[in-house]
N, C-alpha and C. Protein backbone atom coordinates (compact mmCIF):
# COMPACT_ATOMS: atom_id res chain seq x y z
N MET A 1 45.40 -102.56 -44.31
CA MET A 1 45.14 -103.48 -45.37
C MET A 1 45.68 -104.99 -44.86
N ASP A 2 44.81 -105.74 -44.40
CA ASP A 2 45.25 -106.95 -43.84
C ASP A 2 46.07 -107.92 -44.54
N ASP A 3 45.92 -107.96 -45.89
CA ASP A 3 46.54 -108.99 -46.71
C ASP A 3 47.81 -108.33 -47.30
N LEU A 4 48.43 -107.25 -46.85
CA LEU A 4 49.54 -106.51 -47.10
C LEU A 4 50.78 -107.27 -46.59
N THR A 5 51.89 -107.79 -47.36
CA THR A 5 52.97 -108.33 -46.77
C THR A 5 54.14 -107.42 -47.41
N ILE A 6 55.26 -107.23 -46.78
CA ILE A 6 56.54 -106.52 -47.15
C ILE A 6 57.37 -107.70 -47.13
N ARG A 7 58.38 -107.85 -48.04
CA ARG A 7 59.31 -108.82 -48.16
C ARG A 7 60.57 -108.23 -48.72
N HIS A 8 61.69 -108.78 -48.22
CA HIS A 8 63.16 -108.06 -48.71
C HIS A 8 63.81 -108.92 -49.49
N GLY A 9 64.75 -108.46 -50.48
CA GLY A 9 65.28 -109.17 -51.54
C GLY A 9 64.36 -109.17 -52.63
N PHE A 10 64.83 -109.59 -53.92
CA PHE A 10 64.11 -109.53 -55.12
C PHE A 10 64.38 -110.74 -55.86
N THR A 11 63.62 -111.07 -56.82
CA THR A 11 63.63 -112.09 -57.78
C THR A 11 63.75 -111.42 -59.17
N SER A 12 64.01 -112.24 -60.13
CA SER A 12 63.98 -111.86 -61.55
C SER A 12 62.60 -111.40 -62.02
N GLY A 13 61.57 -112.01 -61.47
CA GLY A 13 60.16 -111.62 -61.96
C GLY A 13 59.92 -110.19 -61.30
N ASP A 14 60.49 -110.00 -59.92
CA ASP A 14 60.19 -108.60 -59.54
C ASP A 14 60.94 -107.66 -60.21
N CYS A 15 61.93 -107.82 -61.06
CA CYS A 15 62.61 -106.85 -61.74
C CYS A 15 61.75 -106.59 -63.16
N THR A 16 61.16 -107.46 -63.53
CA THR A 16 60.18 -107.43 -64.80
C THR A 16 59.04 -106.39 -64.32
N LYS A 17 58.58 -106.84 -63.05
CA LYS A 17 57.33 -105.96 -62.63
C LYS A 17 57.78 -104.55 -62.22
N ILE A 18 58.90 -104.25 -61.65
CA ILE A 18 59.44 -102.97 -61.41
C ILE A 18 59.62 -102.20 -62.62
N ALA A 19 60.24 -102.90 -63.60
CA ALA A 19 60.52 -102.17 -65.00
C ALA A 19 59.28 -101.76 -65.63
N ALA A 20 58.41 -102.51 -65.45
CA ALA A 20 56.83 -102.22 -65.98
C ALA A 20 56.32 -100.91 -65.19
N LEU A 21 56.71 -100.91 -63.89
CA LEU A 21 56.02 -99.74 -63.23
C LEU A 21 56.88 -98.34 -63.51
N TRP A 22 58.23 -98.67 -63.64
CA TRP A 22 59.09 -97.66 -64.02
C TRP A 22 58.57 -96.97 -65.25
N ALA A 23 58.23 -97.86 -66.29
CA ALA A 23 57.81 -97.28 -67.64
C ALA A 23 56.47 -96.68 -67.49
N GLN A 24 55.53 -97.19 -66.48
CA GLN A 24 54.30 -96.54 -66.38
C GLN A 24 54.50 -95.18 -65.70
N LEU A 25 55.52 -95.11 -64.82
CA LEU A 25 55.67 -93.74 -64.20
C LEU A 25 56.47 -92.68 -65.08
N GLY A 26 57.16 -93.34 -66.16
CA GLY A 26 57.98 -92.42 -66.88
C GLY A 26 59.36 -92.31 -66.50
N TRP A 27 59.76 -93.33 -65.71
CA TRP A 27 61.07 -93.36 -65.22
C TRP A 27 62.07 -94.17 -65.89
N GLY A 28 61.62 -95.00 -66.76
CA GLY A 28 62.51 -95.91 -67.52
C GLY A 28 61.64 -96.69 -68.61
N GLU A 29 62.24 -97.72 -69.15
CA GLU A 29 61.49 -98.67 -70.11
C GLU A 29 61.11 -99.89 -69.72
N ASP A 30 60.28 -100.41 -70.26
CA ASP A 30 59.70 -101.85 -70.07
C ASP A 30 60.58 -102.79 -70.96
N GLY A 31 60.52 -103.92 -70.74
CA GLY A 31 61.25 -105.04 -71.37
C GLY A 31 62.67 -105.38 -70.86
N ALA A 32 63.33 -105.98 -71.80
CA ALA A 32 64.58 -106.70 -71.45
C ALA A 32 65.68 -105.47 -70.78
N GLU A 33 65.80 -104.38 -71.64
CA GLU A 33 66.67 -103.39 -71.19
C GLU A 33 66.36 -102.79 -69.86
N GLY A 34 65.08 -102.59 -69.70
CA GLY A 34 64.33 -101.95 -68.37
C GLY A 34 64.65 -102.95 -67.28
N LYS A 35 64.44 -104.18 -67.39
CA LYS A 35 64.82 -105.24 -66.37
C LYS A 35 66.11 -105.30 -66.03
N LYS A 36 67.16 -105.16 -66.79
CA LYS A 36 68.50 -105.07 -66.52
C LYS A 36 68.97 -103.78 -65.72
N ARG A 37 68.29 -102.69 -66.17
CA ARG A 37 68.58 -101.51 -65.37
C ARG A 37 67.95 -101.52 -64.06
N VAL A 38 66.84 -102.00 -63.82
CA VAL A 38 66.24 -102.40 -62.39
C VAL A 38 67.05 -103.21 -61.75
N GLU A 39 67.56 -104.36 -62.25
CA GLU A 39 68.37 -105.24 -61.48
C GLU A 39 69.74 -104.65 -61.04
N ARG A 40 70.33 -103.75 -61.89
CA ARG A 40 71.31 -103.04 -61.58
C ARG A 40 71.23 -102.15 -60.36
N ALA A 41 70.21 -101.40 -60.49
CA ALA A 41 69.88 -100.42 -59.43
C ALA A 41 69.58 -101.12 -57.96
N LEU A 42 68.80 -102.28 -58.11
CA LEU A 42 68.56 -103.03 -56.84
C LEU A 42 69.65 -103.44 -56.27
N LYS A 43 70.53 -104.23 -57.06
CA LYS A 43 71.78 -104.70 -56.49
C LYS A 43 72.71 -103.52 -55.92
N ALA A 44 72.71 -102.40 -56.26
CA ALA A 44 73.47 -101.37 -55.83
C ALA A 44 73.00 -100.79 -54.56
N SER A 45 71.71 -101.12 -54.21
CA SER A 45 71.05 -100.61 -53.06
C SER A 45 71.41 -101.39 -51.75
N ALA A 46 71.37 -100.48 -50.60
CA ALA A 46 71.66 -100.99 -49.31
C ALA A 46 70.56 -101.92 -48.69
N TRP A 47 69.33 -101.42 -49.17
CA TRP A 47 68.04 -102.01 -48.74
C TRP A 47 67.07 -101.78 -49.89
N MET A 48 66.23 -102.97 -49.82
CA MET A 48 65.02 -102.86 -50.73
C MET A 48 64.00 -103.58 -50.27
N ALA A 49 62.75 -103.36 -50.64
CA ALA A 49 61.56 -104.12 -50.22
C ALA A 49 60.48 -104.07 -51.13
N ILE A 50 59.78 -105.36 -51.20
CA ILE A 50 58.63 -105.49 -52.18
C ILE A 50 57.37 -105.57 -51.50
N ALA A 51 56.33 -104.89 -51.89
CA ALA A 51 55.04 -104.80 -51.27
C ALA A 51 54.10 -105.74 -52.09
N GLU A 52 53.36 -106.61 -51.33
CA GLU A 52 52.39 -107.36 -52.16
C GLU A 52 51.12 -107.46 -51.48
N VAL A 53 50.07 -107.51 -52.03
CA VAL A 53 48.66 -107.66 -51.62
C VAL A 53 48.18 -109.03 -52.08
N ALA A 54 47.82 -109.89 -51.08
CA ALA A 54 47.42 -111.21 -51.52
C ALA A 54 48.34 -111.84 -52.59
N GLY A 55 49.56 -111.61 -52.50
CA GLY A 55 50.59 -112.28 -53.46
C GLY A 55 50.85 -111.67 -54.59
N GLU A 56 50.26 -110.43 -54.70
CA GLU A 56 50.33 -109.64 -56.06
C GLU A 56 51.11 -108.50 -55.86
N PHE A 57 52.04 -108.30 -56.73
CA PHE A 57 53.17 -107.10 -56.75
C PHE A 57 52.17 -105.87 -56.64
N THR A 58 52.62 -104.91 -55.60
CA THR A 58 51.92 -103.66 -55.56
C THR A 58 52.89 -102.45 -55.47
N GLY A 59 54.01 -102.73 -55.25
CA GLY A 59 54.90 -101.83 -55.18
C GLY A 59 56.23 -102.04 -54.61
N TYR A 60 57.20 -101.18 -54.53
CA TYR A 60 58.60 -101.25 -53.90
C TYR A 60 59.25 -100.21 -53.42
N ALA A 61 60.26 -100.30 -52.70
CA ALA A 61 61.08 -99.07 -52.17
C ALA A 61 62.54 -99.67 -52.10
N ARG A 62 63.42 -98.68 -52.33
CA ARG A 62 64.83 -99.01 -52.04
C ARG A 62 65.46 -97.78 -51.48
N ALA A 63 66.75 -98.10 -50.76
CA ALA A 63 67.55 -97.07 -50.15
C ALA A 63 68.80 -97.34 -50.32
N LEU A 64 69.60 -96.16 -50.22
CA LEU A 64 70.98 -96.07 -50.36
C LEU A 64 71.48 -95.69 -48.85
N SER A 65 72.55 -96.22 -48.37
CA SER A 65 72.96 -95.99 -47.10
C SER A 65 74.44 -96.38 -46.91
N ASP A 66 75.09 -95.45 -45.93
CA ASP A 66 76.39 -96.02 -45.59
C ASP A 66 76.27 -96.80 -44.38
N GLY A 67 75.08 -97.08 -43.86
CA GLY A 67 74.77 -97.90 -42.64
C GLY A 67 75.27 -97.38 -41.21
N VAL A 68 75.78 -96.18 -41.27
CA VAL A 68 76.37 -95.65 -40.07
C VAL A 68 75.71 -94.15 -39.81
N VAL A 69 75.76 -93.41 -40.76
CA VAL A 69 75.21 -92.00 -40.56
C VAL A 69 73.90 -91.58 -41.41
N VAL A 70 73.93 -91.97 -42.50
CA VAL A 70 72.93 -91.32 -43.41
C VAL A 70 72.30 -92.68 -44.29
N THR A 71 71.00 -92.44 -44.43
CA THR A 71 70.22 -93.33 -45.41
C THR A 71 69.35 -92.39 -46.47
N TYR A 72 69.37 -92.71 -47.58
CA TYR A 72 68.57 -91.84 -48.49
C TYR A 72 67.59 -92.82 -49.06
N LEU A 73 66.24 -92.68 -48.74
CA LEU A 73 65.21 -93.56 -49.32
C LEU A 73 64.97 -92.96 -50.58
N ALA A 74 65.61 -93.84 -51.67
CA ALA A 74 65.69 -93.16 -52.97
C ALA A 74 64.27 -93.43 -53.77
N GLU A 75 63.46 -94.34 -53.61
CA GLU A 75 62.27 -94.58 -54.47
C GLU A 75 61.36 -95.40 -53.46
N VAL A 76 60.11 -94.85 -53.78
CA VAL A 76 58.91 -95.57 -53.04
C VAL A 76 57.88 -95.49 -54.19
N ALA A 77 57.68 -96.55 -54.78
CA ALA A 77 56.72 -96.52 -56.06
C ALA A 77 55.59 -97.59 -55.85
N VAL A 78 54.40 -97.17 -56.00
CA VAL A 78 53.16 -98.07 -55.72
C VAL A 78 52.31 -98.02 -56.97
N ILE A 79 51.89 -99.13 -57.38
CA ILE A 79 50.98 -99.26 -58.66
C ILE A 79 49.71 -98.38 -58.10
N PRO A 80 49.34 -97.52 -59.24
CA PRO A 80 48.31 -96.56 -59.11
C PRO A 80 47.17 -97.05 -58.29
N ALA A 81 46.67 -98.25 -58.74
CA ALA A 81 45.48 -98.88 -58.18
C ALA A 81 45.53 -99.12 -56.56
N TYR A 82 46.78 -99.19 -56.11
CA TYR A 82 47.05 -99.45 -54.73
C TYR A 82 47.37 -98.18 -53.99
N ARG A 83 47.40 -97.02 -54.58
CA ARG A 83 47.73 -95.82 -53.85
C ARG A 83 46.57 -95.47 -52.81
N ARG A 84 47.04 -94.76 -51.81
CA ARG A 84 46.19 -94.40 -50.69
C ARG A 84 45.61 -95.48 -49.87
N ARG A 85 46.23 -96.62 -49.89
CA ARG A 85 45.72 -97.82 -49.13
C ARG A 85 46.77 -98.36 -48.30
N GLY A 86 47.76 -97.55 -47.92
CA GLY A 86 48.72 -98.02 -47.01
C GLY A 86 49.92 -98.75 -47.46
N VAL A 87 49.99 -99.02 -48.72
CA VAL A 87 51.17 -99.74 -49.40
C VAL A 87 52.54 -98.77 -49.17
N GLY A 88 52.39 -97.62 -49.63
CA GLY A 88 53.55 -96.71 -49.58
C GLY A 88 54.21 -96.58 -48.13
N GLY A 89 53.11 -96.18 -47.29
CA GLY A 89 53.41 -95.95 -45.76
C GLY A 89 54.02 -97.28 -45.15
N ALA A 90 53.59 -98.32 -45.54
CA ALA A 90 54.39 -99.76 -45.23
C ALA A 90 55.69 -99.74 -45.49
N LEU A 91 55.90 -99.47 -46.85
CA LEU A 91 57.37 -99.47 -47.36
C LEU A 91 58.28 -98.51 -46.67
N ILE A 92 57.69 -97.40 -46.41
CA ILE A 92 58.46 -96.22 -45.65
C ILE A 92 58.78 -96.78 -44.33
N ARG A 93 57.80 -97.20 -43.57
CA ARG A 93 57.98 -97.71 -42.28
C ARG A 93 58.89 -98.92 -42.15
N SER A 94 59.06 -99.82 -43.12
CA SER A 94 59.90 -100.89 -43.42
C SER A 94 61.45 -100.30 -43.46
N CYS A 95 61.51 -99.33 -44.26
CA CYS A 95 62.87 -98.63 -44.26
C CYS A 95 63.36 -98.05 -43.00
N LEU A 96 62.45 -97.29 -42.32
CA LEU A 96 62.81 -96.68 -41.10
C LEU A 96 63.18 -97.60 -40.08
N ASP A 97 62.44 -98.82 -40.13
CA ASP A 97 62.76 -99.84 -39.07
C ASP A 97 64.17 -100.43 -39.43
N ALA A 98 64.36 -100.46 -40.60
CA ALA A 98 65.85 -101.02 -41.05
C ALA A 98 66.90 -100.18 -40.67
N PHE A 99 66.70 -98.91 -40.56
CA PHE A 99 67.82 -97.88 -40.43
C PHE A 99 67.49 -97.14 -39.12
N PRO A 100 67.16 -97.47 -37.91
CA PRO A 100 66.83 -96.67 -36.90
C PRO A 100 68.03 -95.81 -36.33
N HIS A 101 69.37 -96.27 -36.58
CA HIS A 101 70.38 -95.63 -36.22
C HIS A 101 70.99 -94.51 -37.08
N THR A 102 70.34 -94.34 -38.30
CA THR A 102 71.00 -93.26 -39.17
C THR A 102 69.76 -92.14 -39.38
N SER A 103 70.27 -90.91 -39.84
CA SER A 103 69.33 -89.92 -40.41
C SER A 103 68.66 -90.52 -41.77
N VAL A 104 67.55 -90.27 -41.99
CA VAL A 104 66.88 -90.89 -43.25
C VAL A 104 66.40 -89.72 -43.98
N TYR A 105 66.75 -89.52 -45.29
CA TYR A 105 66.58 -88.42 -46.08
C TYR A 105 65.38 -88.98 -47.26
N ALA A 106 64.60 -88.19 -47.73
CA ALA A 106 63.94 -88.65 -49.00
C ALA A 106 63.27 -87.42 -49.55
N ASP A 107 63.50 -87.34 -51.04
CA ASP A 107 62.72 -86.40 -51.82
C ASP A 107 61.39 -86.80 -52.02
N ALA A 108 60.49 -85.90 -52.00
CA ALA A 108 58.90 -86.12 -52.10
C ALA A 108 58.30 -85.20 -53.08
N SER A 109 57.50 -85.72 -53.99
CA SER A 109 56.80 -84.94 -54.92
C SER A 109 55.54 -84.42 -53.97
N PRO A 110 54.98 -83.31 -54.33
CA PRO A 110 53.93 -82.65 -53.63
C PRO A 110 52.85 -83.65 -53.18
N ASP A 111 52.63 -84.77 -53.89
CA ASP A 111 51.45 -85.65 -53.48
C ASP A 111 52.09 -86.63 -52.45
N ALA A 112 53.35 -86.74 -52.27
CA ALA A 112 54.06 -87.72 -51.40
C ALA A 112 54.38 -87.06 -50.06
N ILE A 113 54.21 -85.76 -49.86
CA ILE A 113 54.69 -85.20 -48.55
C ILE A 113 53.96 -85.63 -47.61
N GLY A 114 52.53 -85.79 -47.59
CA GLY A 114 51.78 -86.31 -46.44
C GLY A 114 52.25 -87.72 -46.12
N PRO A 115 52.27 -88.77 -46.97
CA PRO A 115 52.63 -90.11 -46.40
C PRO A 115 54.08 -89.87 -45.78
N ASN A 116 55.12 -89.15 -46.22
CA ASN A 116 56.51 -89.13 -45.58
C ASN A 116 56.26 -88.40 -44.27
N THR A 117 55.39 -87.25 -44.03
CA THR A 117 55.39 -86.64 -42.77
C THR A 117 54.59 -87.56 -41.75
N ARG A 118 53.77 -88.54 -42.21
CA ARG A 118 53.05 -89.18 -41.28
C ARG A 118 53.92 -90.26 -40.64
N HIS A 119 55.21 -90.43 -41.35
CA HIS A 119 55.98 -91.48 -40.76
C HIS A 119 57.36 -90.72 -40.31
N GLY A 120 57.27 -89.48 -40.11
CA GLY A 120 58.34 -88.70 -39.43
C GLY A 120 59.37 -88.16 -40.34
N LEU A 121 59.30 -88.37 -41.65
CA LEU A 121 60.10 -87.71 -42.70
C LEU A 121 59.51 -86.27 -43.06
N LEU A 122 59.92 -85.21 -42.25
CA LEU A 122 59.62 -84.04 -42.26
C LEU A 122 60.09 -82.95 -43.28
N PRO A 123 59.45 -82.19 -44.01
CA PRO A 123 60.01 -81.15 -44.73
C PRO A 123 61.10 -80.26 -43.77
N ARG A 124 62.23 -79.96 -44.28
CA ARG A 124 63.35 -79.42 -43.45
C ARG A 124 63.46 -77.98 -44.01
N PRO A 125 63.09 -76.81 -43.32
CA PRO A 125 63.40 -75.52 -43.90
C PRO A 125 65.07 -75.44 -44.05
N SER A 126 65.49 -74.86 -45.09
CA SER A 126 66.86 -74.76 -45.16
C SER A 126 67.19 -73.59 -46.10
N HIS A 127 68.53 -73.15 -45.77
CA HIS A 127 68.99 -72.16 -46.73
C HIS A 127 69.90 -72.92 -47.78
N MET A 128 69.78 -74.11 -47.90
CA MET A 128 70.38 -74.78 -48.98
C MET A 128 69.45 -75.47 -50.05
N THR A 129 69.96 -75.49 -51.14
CA THR A 129 69.13 -76.01 -52.34
C THR A 129 69.64 -77.29 -52.84
N ALA A 130 68.83 -78.18 -52.93
CA ALA A 130 69.12 -79.47 -53.44
C ALA A 130 69.59 -79.28 -55.00
N CYS A 131 70.81 -79.78 -55.49
CA CYS A 131 71.31 -79.71 -56.69
C CYS A 131 71.20 -81.10 -57.34
N ALA A 132 70.79 -81.31 -58.59
CA ALA A 132 70.77 -82.51 -59.25
C ALA A 132 71.34 -82.40 -60.65
N ARG A 133 71.59 -83.48 -61.26
CA ARG A 133 71.91 -83.73 -62.66
C ARG A 133 71.07 -84.93 -63.17
N GLY A 134 70.37 -84.84 -64.08
CA GLY A 134 69.61 -85.95 -64.68
C GLY A 134 70.44 -86.97 -65.38
N PRO A 135 70.08 -88.16 -65.69
CA PRO A 135 71.00 -89.10 -66.43
C PRO A 135 71.17 -88.50 -67.77
N ARG A 136 72.33 -89.05 -68.29
CA ARG A 136 72.79 -88.66 -69.63
C ARG A 136 72.76 -89.79 -70.63
């Protein structure tokens, strides 16, 4: 996609758009409270990027990292109308380029395993099981 750009950093307007995307994906709520949660999450991230096509918000990604050993690609989210058009892959590549010196981990839903593996984030057979707790 020729008119795709990736930029780093975020604006208040980006937080509003990401909150709306979170609500659409069932990850959070839209509106002022959702925007505040997005802003807190982005500020606490080691890295984040916004994808735009012809200046229009199409998705974002963020990562947590110690900057030395490990990076966790926490979220890659793309507006449904722009999926399967290279937006998610460009966001993944941008994160990998920002952290070439660390191991990068990402959780992937079944439909996102393909984009992850195309960029070198491979499923790893393990005797370990990921454990998690949802928000309270």
